C-alpha atoms as a PDB file:
ATOM      1  CA  GLN A   1     -25.227  27.018  -9.005  1.00  0.00           C
ATOM      2  CA  SER A   2     -23.334  25.159  -6.465  1.00  0.00           C
ATOM      3  CA  LEU A   3     -24.479  22.762  -3.566  1.00  0.00           C
ATOM      4  CA  ALA A   4     -22.538  21.476  -1.077  1.00  0.00           C
ATOM      5  CA  LEU A   5     -23.674  17.860   0.741  1.00  0.00           C
ATOM      6  CA  GLY A   6     -20.704  16.265   1.776  1.00  0.00           C
ATOM      7  CA  SER A   7     -20.794  14.421   4.873  1.00  0.00           C
ATOM      8  CA  CYS A   8     -24.615  14.668   4.563  1.00  0.00           C
ATOM      9  CA  HIS A   9     -24.601  10.670   5.692  1.00  0.00           C
ATOM     10  CA  GLN A  10     -28.106  10.158   6.068  1.00  0.00           C
ATOM     11  CA  ILE A  11     -28.624  11.703   1.948  1.00  0.00           C
ATOM     12  CA  THR A  12     -30.575   9.227  -0.302  1.00  0.00           C
ATOM     13  CA  ASP A  13     -30.582   8.578  -3.855  1.00  0.00           C
ATOM     14  CA  ALA A  14     -33.987   9.507  -3.614  1.00  0.00           C
ATOM     15  CA  SER A  15     -32.764  13.300  -2.286  1.00  0.00           C
ATOM     16  CA  ILE A  16     -30.119  13.355  -5.135  1.00  0.00           C
ATOM     17  CA  ILE A  17     -32.798  12.478  -8.271  1.00  0.00           C
ATOM     18  CA  SER A  18     -35.197  15.055  -6.738  1.00  0.00           C
ATOM     19  CA  ILE A  19     -32.276  17.549  -6.823  1.00  0.00           C
ATOM     20  CA  SER A  20     -30.942  17.205 -10.114  1.00  0.00           C
ATOM     21  CA  THR A  21     -34.336  17.519 -11.486  1.00  0.00           C
ATOM     22  CA  HIS A  22     -34.729  20.315 -10.051  1.00  0.00           C
ATOM     23  CA  CYS A  23     -31.701  22.294  -9.781  1.00  0.00           C
ATOM     24  CA  GLY A  24     -30.500  21.256 -13.830  1.00  0.00           C
ATOM     25  CA  GLY A  25     -28.176  24.919 -13.809  1.00  0.00           C
ATOM     26  CA  LEU A  26     -25.887  23.022 -11.057  1.00  0.00           C
ATOM     27  CA  GLN A  27     -21.961  23.888 -11.813  1.00  0.00           C
ATOM     28  CA  LEU A  28     -20.242  22.650  -8.861  1.00  0.00           C
ATOM     29  CA  LEU A  29     -21.535  19.672  -6.459  1.00  0.00           C
ATOM     30  CA  ASP A  30     -20.075  18.164  -3.537  1.00  0.00           C
ATOM     31  CA  LEU A  31     -21.404  14.716  -2.756  1.00  0.00           C
ATOM     32  CA  ARG A  32     -18.108  14.152  -0.648  1.00  0.00           C
ATOM     33  CA  ASN A  33     -18.811  11.127   2.032  1.00  0.00           C
ATOM     34  CA  CYS A  34     -22.586  10.736   1.310  1.00  0.00           C
ATOM     35  CA  GLN A  35     -22.129   6.833   1.087  1.00  0.00           C
ATOM     36  CA  LYS A  36     -26.156   6.030   0.864  1.00  0.00           C
ATOM     37  CA  ILE A  37     -25.907   7.104  -3.138  1.00  0.00           C
ATOM     38  CA  THR A  38     -25.309   4.631  -5.768  1.00  0.00           C
ATOM     39  CA  ASP A  39     -25.280   4.832  -9.195  1.00  0.00           C
ATOM     40  CA  ALA A  40     -28.998   5.837  -9.882  1.00  0.00           C
ATOM     41  CA  SER A  41     -28.236   9.375  -8.461  1.00  0.00           C
ATOM     42  CA  ILE A  42     -24.694  10.001 -10.684  1.00  0.00           C
ATOM     43  CA  ILE A  43     -26.937   9.265 -13.687  1.00  0.00           C
ATOM     44  CA  SER A  44     -29.839  11.207 -12.623  1.00  0.00           C
ATOM     45  CA  ILE A  45     -27.151  14.147 -11.941  1.00  0.00           C
ATOM     46  CA  SER A  46     -25.350  13.324 -16.003  1.00  0.00           C
ATOM     47  CA  THR A  47     -28.448  13.549 -17.785  1.00  0.00           C
ATOM     48  CA  HIS A  48     -29.830  16.309 -15.763  1.00  0.00           C
ATOM     49  CA  CYS A  49     -27.209  18.818 -14.731  1.00  0.00           C
ATOM     50  CA  ILE A  50     -24.975  19.048 -17.998  1.00  0.00           C
ATOM     51  CA  ARG A  51     -23.249  22.152 -17.087  1.00  0.00           C
ATOM     52  CA  LEU A  52     -21.524  20.566 -14.357  1.00  0.00           C
ATOM     53  CA  LEU A  53     -18.367  22.258 -13.741  1.00  0.00           C
ATOM     54  CA  SER A  54     -17.221  20.765 -10.661  1.00  0.00           C
ATOM     55  CA  LEU A  55     -17.962  16.648  -8.958  1.00  0.00           C
ATOM     56  CA  ASN A  56     -16.802  16.172  -5.675  1.00  0.00           C
ATOM     57  CA  LEU A  57     -17.114  11.976  -5.414  1.00  0.00           C
ATOM     58  CA  HIS A  58     -14.547  11.584  -2.549  1.00  0.00           C
ATOM     59  CA  ASP A  59     -15.603   8.516  -0.614  1.00  0.00           C
ATOM     60  CA  CYS A  60     -19.208   7.584  -2.411  1.00  0.00           C
ATOM     61  CA  HIS A  61     -18.410   3.609  -1.938  1.00  0.00           C
ATOM     62  CA  LYS A  62     -21.285   2.974  -4.066  1.00  0.00           C
ATOM     63  CA  ILE A  63     -20.643   4.400  -7.339  1.00  0.00           C
ATOM     64  CA  THR A  64     -19.093   2.190 -10.399  1.00  0.00           C
ATOM     65  CA  ASN A  65     -18.240   2.427 -13.665  1.00  0.00           C
ATOM     66  CA  VAL A  66     -21.402   2.807 -15.043  1.00  0.00           C
ATOM     67  CA  SER A  67     -22.551   6.171 -13.763  1.00  0.00           C
ATOM     68  CA  ILE A  68     -19.028   7.664 -14.152  1.00  0.00           C
ATOM     69  CA  ILE A  69     -19.254   6.873 -17.522  1.00  0.00           C
ATOM     70  CA  SER A  70     -22.451   8.623 -17.808  1.00  0.00           C
ATOM     71  CA  ILE A  71     -21.097  11.405 -16.148  1.00  0.00           C
ATOM     72  CA  SER A  72     -18.475  11.459 -18.990  1.00  0.00           C
ATOM     73  CA  THR A  73     -20.363  11.585 -22.067  1.00  0.00           C
ATOM     74  CA  HIS A  74     -23.318  13.785 -20.564  1.00  0.00           C
ATOM     75  CA  CYS A  75     -20.913  16.285 -18.656  1.00  0.00           C
ATOM     76  CA  THR A  76     -17.873  17.120 -20.803  1.00  0.00           C
ATOM     77  CA  GLY A  77     -17.408  20.251 -19.535  1.00  0.00           C
ATOM     78  CA  LEU A  78     -15.943  18.747 -16.114  1.00  0.00           C
ATOM     79  CA  GLN A  79     -12.528  20.490 -15.198  1.00  0.00           C
ATOM     80  CA  LEU A  80     -12.626  19.475 -11.094  1.00  0.00           C
ATOM     81  CA  PHE A  81     -13.559  15.988 -10.494  1.00  0.00           C
ATOM     82  CA  ASN A  82     -12.677  13.613  -7.227  1.00  0.00           C
ATOM     83  CA  LEU A  83     -13.290  10.172  -6.925  1.00  0.00           C
ATOM     84  CA  TYR A  84     -10.476   9.816  -3.662  1.00  0.00           C
ATOM     85  CA  ASP A  85     -11.772   5.856  -2.615  1.00  0.00           C
ATOM     86  CA  CYS A  86     -14.726   5.108  -4.817  1.00  0.00           C
ATOM     87  CA  GLY A  87     -12.507   1.767  -5.146  1.00  0.00           C
ATOM     88  CA  LYS A  88     -15.460   0.284  -7.908  1.00  0.00           C
ATOM     89  CA  ILE A  89     -13.886   2.590 -10.038  1.00  0.00           C
ATOM     90  CA  THR A  90     -11.801   0.849 -12.761  1.00  0.00           C
ATOM     91  CA  ASP A  91      -9.915   1.968 -16.109  1.00  0.00           C
ATOM     92  CA  ALA A  92     -13.069   1.901 -17.560  1.00  0.00           C
ATOM     93  CA  SER A  93     -14.413   5.101 -16.265  1.00  0.00           C
ATOM     94  CA  ILE A  94     -11.392   6.665 -16.574  1.00  0.00           C
ATOM     95  CA  ILE A  95     -10.668   6.094 -19.981  1.00  0.00           C
ATOM     96  CA  SER A  96     -13.992   7.154 -20.732  1.00  0.00           C
ATOM     97  CA  ILE A  97     -13.451  10.417 -18.663  1.00  0.00           C
ATOM     98  CA  SER A  98      -9.883  11.057 -20.290  1.00  0.00           C
ATOM     99  CA  GLU A  99     -11.718  10.849 -23.848  1.00  0.00           C
ATOM    100  CA  ASN A 100     -14.883  12.761 -23.244  1.00  0.00           C
ATOM    101  CA  CYS A 101     -13.901  15.852 -20.296  1.00  0.00           C
ATOM    102  CA  THR A 102     -10.846  17.126 -22.096  1.00  0.00           C
ATOM    103  CA  ARG A 103     -11.050  20.535 -20.611  1.00  0.00           C
ATOM    104  CA  LEU A 104     -10.273  19.196 -16.924  1.00  0.00           C
ATOM    105  CA  LYS A 105      -7.760  20.920 -14.471  1.00  0.00           C
ATOM    106  CA  GLU A 106      -7.961  18.468 -11.819  1.00  0.00           C
ATOM    107  CA  LEU A 107      -7.988  15.072 -10.895  1.00  0.00           C
ATOM    108  CA  ASN A 108      -8.179  13.104  -7.990  1.00  0.00           C
ATOM    109  CA  VAL A 109      -8.373   8.911  -9.124  1.00  0.00           C
ATOM    110  CA  SER A 110      -6.784   8.313  -5.884  1.00  0.00           C
ATOM    111  CA  TYR A 111      -7.357   4.710  -3.586  1.00  0.00           C
ATOM    112  CA  THR A 112      -9.535   3.632  -7.279  1.00  0.00           C
ATOM    113  CA  ASN A 113      -8.684   0.273  -9.267  1.00  0.00           C
ATOM    114  CA  ILE A 114      -6.997   1.660 -11.874  1.00  0.00           C
ATOM    115  CA  THR A 115      -4.369   0.726 -13.904  1.00  0.00           C
ATOM    116  CA  ASP A 116      -1.431   2.731 -16.303  1.00  0.00           C
ATOM    117  CA  ALA A 117      -3.895   2.259 -18.533  1.00  0.00           C
ATOM    118  CA  SER A 118      -5.744   5.311 -17.157  1.00  0.00           C
ATOM    119  CA  LEU A 119      -2.841   7.377 -16.884  1.00  0.00           C
ATOM    120  CA  ILE A 120      -1.590   6.561 -20.215  1.00  0.00           C
ATOM    121  CA  ALA A 121      -5.020   7.889 -21.987  1.00  0.00           C
ATOM    122  CA  ILE A 122      -5.313  10.836 -19.460  1.00  0.00           C
ATOM    123  CA  ALA A 123      -2.017  12.104 -20.282  1.00  0.00           C
ATOM    124  CA  LYS A 124      -2.922  11.978 -23.696  1.00  0.00           C
ATOM    125  CA  ASN A 125      -6.312  13.356 -23.552  1.00  0.00           C
ATOM    126  CA  CYS A 126      -6.268  15.850 -20.718  1.00  0.00           C
ATOM    127  CA  THR A 127      -3.514  18.188 -22.157  1.00  0.00           C
ATOM    128  CA  GLU A 128      -5.235  21.410 -19.558  1.00  0.00           C
ATOM    129  CA  LEU A 129      -4.640  19.220 -16.527  1.00  0.00           C
ATOM    130  CA  HIS A 130      -2.741  21.060 -13.471  1.00  0.00           C
ATOM    131  CA  LEU A 131      -3.359  18.136 -10.877  1.00  0.00           C
ATOM    132  CA  LEU A 132      -4.005  14.265 -10.906  1.00  0.00           C
ATOM    133  CA  LYS A 133      -3.976  12.820  -7.829  1.00  0.00           C
ATOM    134  CA  THR A 134      -2.635   8.927  -7.780  1.00  0.00           C
ATOM    135  CA  GLY A 135      -2.390   8.202  -5.017  1.00  0.00           C
ATOM    136  CA  GLY A 136      -3.085   4.119  -3.510  1.00  0.00           C
ATOM    137  CA  CYS A 137      -3.819   2.831  -6.504  1.00  0.00           C
ATOM    138  CA  SER A 138      -2.540  -0.443  -6.327  1.00  0.00           C
ATOM    139  CA  ARG A 139      -2.352  -1.240  -9.516  1.00  0.00           C
ATOM    140  CA  ILE A 140       0.094   1.559 -11.326  1.00  0.00           C
ATOM    141  CA  ILE A 141       3.229   0.152 -12.126  1.00  0.00           C
ATOM    142  CA  GLY A 142       4.170   3.548 -13.909  1.00  0.00           C
ATOM    143  CA  TYR A 143       6.630   2.644 -16.066  1.00  0.00           C
ATOM    144  CA  TYR A 144       5.208   4.561 -19.032  1.00  0.00           C
ATOM    145  CA  LEU A 145       4.558   7.949 -16.739  1.00  0.00           C
ATOM    146  CA  ARG A 146       8.117   9.239 -17.580  1.00  0.00           C
ATOM    147  CA  ASN A 147       7.532   9.824 -20.960  1.00  0.00           C
ATOM    148  CA  ASP A 148       3.441  10.268 -21.278  1.00  0.00           C
ATOM    149  CA  PHE A 149       2.916  13.458 -19.336  1.00  0.00           C
ATOM    150  CA  LYS A 150       5.805  15.823 -21.483  1.00  0.00           C
ATOM    151  CA  SER A 151       2.765  16.610 -23.442  1.00  0.00           C
ATOM    152  CA  VAL A 152       0.526  18.005 -20.572  1.00  0.00           C
ATOM    153  CA  SER A 153       2.476  20.881 -20.634  1.00  0.00           C
ATOM    154  CA  GLU A 154      -0.161  22.680 -17.716  1.00  0.00           C
ATOM    155  CA  LEU A 155       0.220  19.997 -15.540  1.00  0.00           C
ATOM    156  CA  ARG A 156       2.254  21.202 -12.018  1.00  0.00           C
ATOM    157  CA  ALA A 157       1.554  18.388  -9.530  1.00  0.00           C
ATOM    158  CA  VAL A 158       0.802  14.646  -9.820  1.00  0.00           C
ATOM    159  CA  PHE A 159       1.046  13.127  -6.857  1.00  0.00           C
ATOM    160  CA  LEU A 160       1.975   9.386  -6.814  1.00  0.00           C
ATOM    161  CA  SER A 161       2.377   7.812  -3.539  1.00  0.00           C
ATOM    162  CA  PHE A 162       2.171   4.450  -1.771  1.00  0.00           C
ATOM    163  CA  TYR A 163       3.728   3.096  -4.905  1.00  0.00           C
ATOM    164  CA  PRO A 164       5.779  -0.369  -3.993  1.00  0.00           C
ATOM    165  CA  SER A 165       6.216  -1.122  -7.650  1.00  0.00           C
ATOM    166  CA  LEU A 166       6.149   1.928  -8.997  1.00  0.00           C
ATOM    167  CA  GLN A 167       9.138   2.034 -12.131  1.00  0.00           C
ATOM    168  CA  ILE A 168       9.764   5.814 -13.015  1.00  0.00           C
END
């Protein structure tokens, strides 16, 4: 049910696609720092591992909105999602995650390419969120944050760091 492949630098899409097609019951998958994997791997995971609860894509630089939107529409039970330093991820992915994966408990979108629009969508839709990390997202202004997260009663921590223009 769980597979940790973090920092397996030589793992490729072919391997991940094979794993996902043969291990459809995966619930926890750690692919952090697997820098050779692309959207093809994540799309395969999204269609074969629909019971996924935790997905770690920290430092998977080739991942784009295409595969993250696929994950969000097929793996709606996600509770923990780490997209740290997936720099090609934008509001389109995070808004889709917030609309489809409403039972999220932890979300790390640090060093992605998101704006306040993502944070507003998360605050509106992810009411069970405990932890949100957004450090290093230079396009976040934060003006709306003060009031938007009042509806997230479970929220215990929001990490906002490295924001020269933050206006909370």
